Amino acid sequence: MIIKDFLPPPEQLIRKQPTQKVTISLTKNSLKFFKKAGKKSHIPYQQLIRKVVEQYSIIYQKY
């Protein structure tokens, strides 16, 4: 199953909610992408990663 275009643009991803710290390993390319997107949008890349994971979990909780 492929879900297309379910994420909003980076600048619409940020909303304050309670968080819990975790440690993850990302590929260099993934980290580079999020850092570039964060810099372009003036949003910390960690927040972008957090929101992508959150949006993914929201979509798949419905299935």
C-alpha atoms as a PDB file:
ATOM      1  CA  MET A   1       0.000   0.000   0.000  1.00  0.00           C
ATOM      2  CA  ILE A   2       1.333   3.425  -0.939  1.00  0.00           C
ATOM      3  CA  ILE A   3      -0.012   6.573   0.703  1.00  0.00           C
ATOM      4  CA  LYS A   4       0.801   9.686  -1.305  1.00  0.00           C
ATOM      5  CA  ASP A   5       1.116  13.260  -0.071  1.00  0.00           C
ATOM      6  CA  PHE A   6      -0.179  12.687   3.450  1.00  0.00           C
ATOM      7  CA  LEU A   7       2.273  15.111   5.079  1.00  0.00           C
ATOM      8  CA  PRO A   8       1.824  18.882   5.111  1.00  0.00           C
ATOM      9  CA  PRO A   9       4.799  21.124   4.254  1.00  0.00           C
ATOM     10  CA  PRO A  10       7.449  21.481   7.013  1.00  0.00           C
ATOM     11  CA  GLU A  11       6.223  24.890   8.200  1.00  0.00           C
ATOM     12  CA  GLN A  12       2.771  23.436   8.974  1.00  0.00           C
ATOM     13  CA  LEU A  13       4.112  20.484  10.973  1.00  0.00           C
ATOM     14  CA  ILE A  14       4.952  22.262  14.234  1.00  0.00           C
ATOM     15  CA  ARG A  15       2.591  22.189  17.233  1.00  0.00           C
ATOM     16  CA  LYS A  16       3.550  21.922  20.932  1.00  0.00           C
ATOM     17  CA  GLN A  17       2.706  18.603  22.603  1.00  0.00           C
ATOM     18  CA  PRO A  18       4.251  16.562  25.420  1.00  0.00           C
ATOM     19  CA  THR A  19       7.334  14.668  24.252  1.00  0.00           C
ATOM     20  CA  GLN A  20       9.558  11.827  25.393  1.00  0.00           C
ATOM     21  CA  LYS A  21      13.232  11.670  24.481  1.00  0.00           C
ATOM     22  CA  VAL A  22      14.455   8.726  22.398  1.00  0.00           C
ATOM     23  CA  THR A  23      17.651   7.904  20.559  1.00  0.00           C
ATOM     24  CA  ILE A  24      17.490   6.944  16.882  1.00  0.00           C
ATOM     25  CA  SER A  25      20.013   6.366  14.121  1.00  0.00           C
ATOM     26  CA  LEU A  26      19.282   7.992  10.774  1.00  0.00           C
ATOM     27  CA  THR A  27      21.030   7.641   7.459  1.00  0.00           C
ATOM     28  CA  LYS A  28      23.318  10.502   6.581  1.00  0.00           C
ATOM     29  CA  ASN A  29      21.052  11.376   3.655  1.00  0.00           C
ATOM     30  CA  SER A  30      17.943  11.518   5.866  1.00  0.00           C
ATOM     31  CA  LEU A  31      19.641  13.736   8.415  1.00  0.00           C
ATOM     32  CA  LYS A  32      20.976  15.987   5.656  1.00  0.00           C
ATOM     33  CA  PHE A  33      17.457  16.325   4.228  1.00  0.00           C
ATOM     34  CA  PHE A  34      15.892  17.276   7.581  1.00  0.00           C
ATOM     35  CA  LYS A  35      18.663  19.734   8.426  1.00  0.00           C
ATOM     36  CA  LYS A  36      18.281  21.422   5.029  1.00  0.00           C
ATOM     37  CA  ALA A  37      14.465  21.517   5.303  1.00  0.00           C
ATOM     38  CA  GLY A  38      14.703  22.885   8.849  1.00  0.00           C
ATOM     39  CA  LYS A  39      17.143  25.588   7.868  1.00  0.00           C
ATOM     40  CA  LYS A  40      14.992  26.603   4.891  1.00  0.00           C
ATOM     41  CA  SER A  41      11.846  26.734   7.058  1.00  0.00           C
ATOM     42  CA  HIS A  42      13.555  28.235  10.150  1.00  0.00           C
ATOM     43  CA  ILE A  43      12.408  25.204  12.172  1.00  0.00           C
ATOM     44  CA  PRO A  44      14.754  22.953  14.182  1.00  0.00           C
ATOM     45  CA  TYR A  45      15.297  19.735  12.243  1.00  0.00           C
ATOM     46  CA  GLN A  46      14.490  17.669  15.350  1.00  0.00           C
ATOM     47  CA  GLN A  47      10.970  19.103  15.364  1.00  0.00           C
ATOM     48  CA  LEU A  48      10.529  18.200  11.706  1.00  0.00           C
ATOM     49  CA  ILE A  49      11.612  14.608  12.349  1.00  0.00           C
ATOM     50  CA  ARG A  50       9.273  14.395  15.344  1.00  0.00           C
ATOM     51  CA  LYS A  51       6.305  15.641  13.332  1.00  0.00           C
ATOM     52  CA  VAL A  52       6.979  13.296  10.409  1.00  0.00           C
ATOM     53  CA  VAL A  53       6.980  10.338  12.813  1.00  0.00           C
ATOM     54  CA  GLU A  54       3.818  11.651  14.480  1.00  0.00           C
ATOM     55  CA  GLN A  55       1.973  12.122  11.180  1.00  0.00           C
ATOM     56  CA  TYR A  56       3.017   8.647  10.038  1.00  0.00           C
ATOM     57  CA  SER A  57       1.705   7.105  13.263  1.00  0.00           C
ATOM     58  CA  ILE A  58      -1.604   8.996  12.992  1.00  0.00           C
ATOM     59  CA  ILE A  59      -2.169   7.730   9.452  1.00  0.00           C
ATOM     60  CA  TYR A  60      -1.370   4.112  10.275  1.00  0.00           C
ATOM     61  CA  GLN A  61      -3.338   4.039  13.549  1.00  0.00           C
ATOM     62  CA  LYS A  62      -6.442   4.160  11.363  1.00  0.00           C
ATOM     63  CA  TYR A  63      -5.601   0.783   9.769  1.00  0.00           C
END
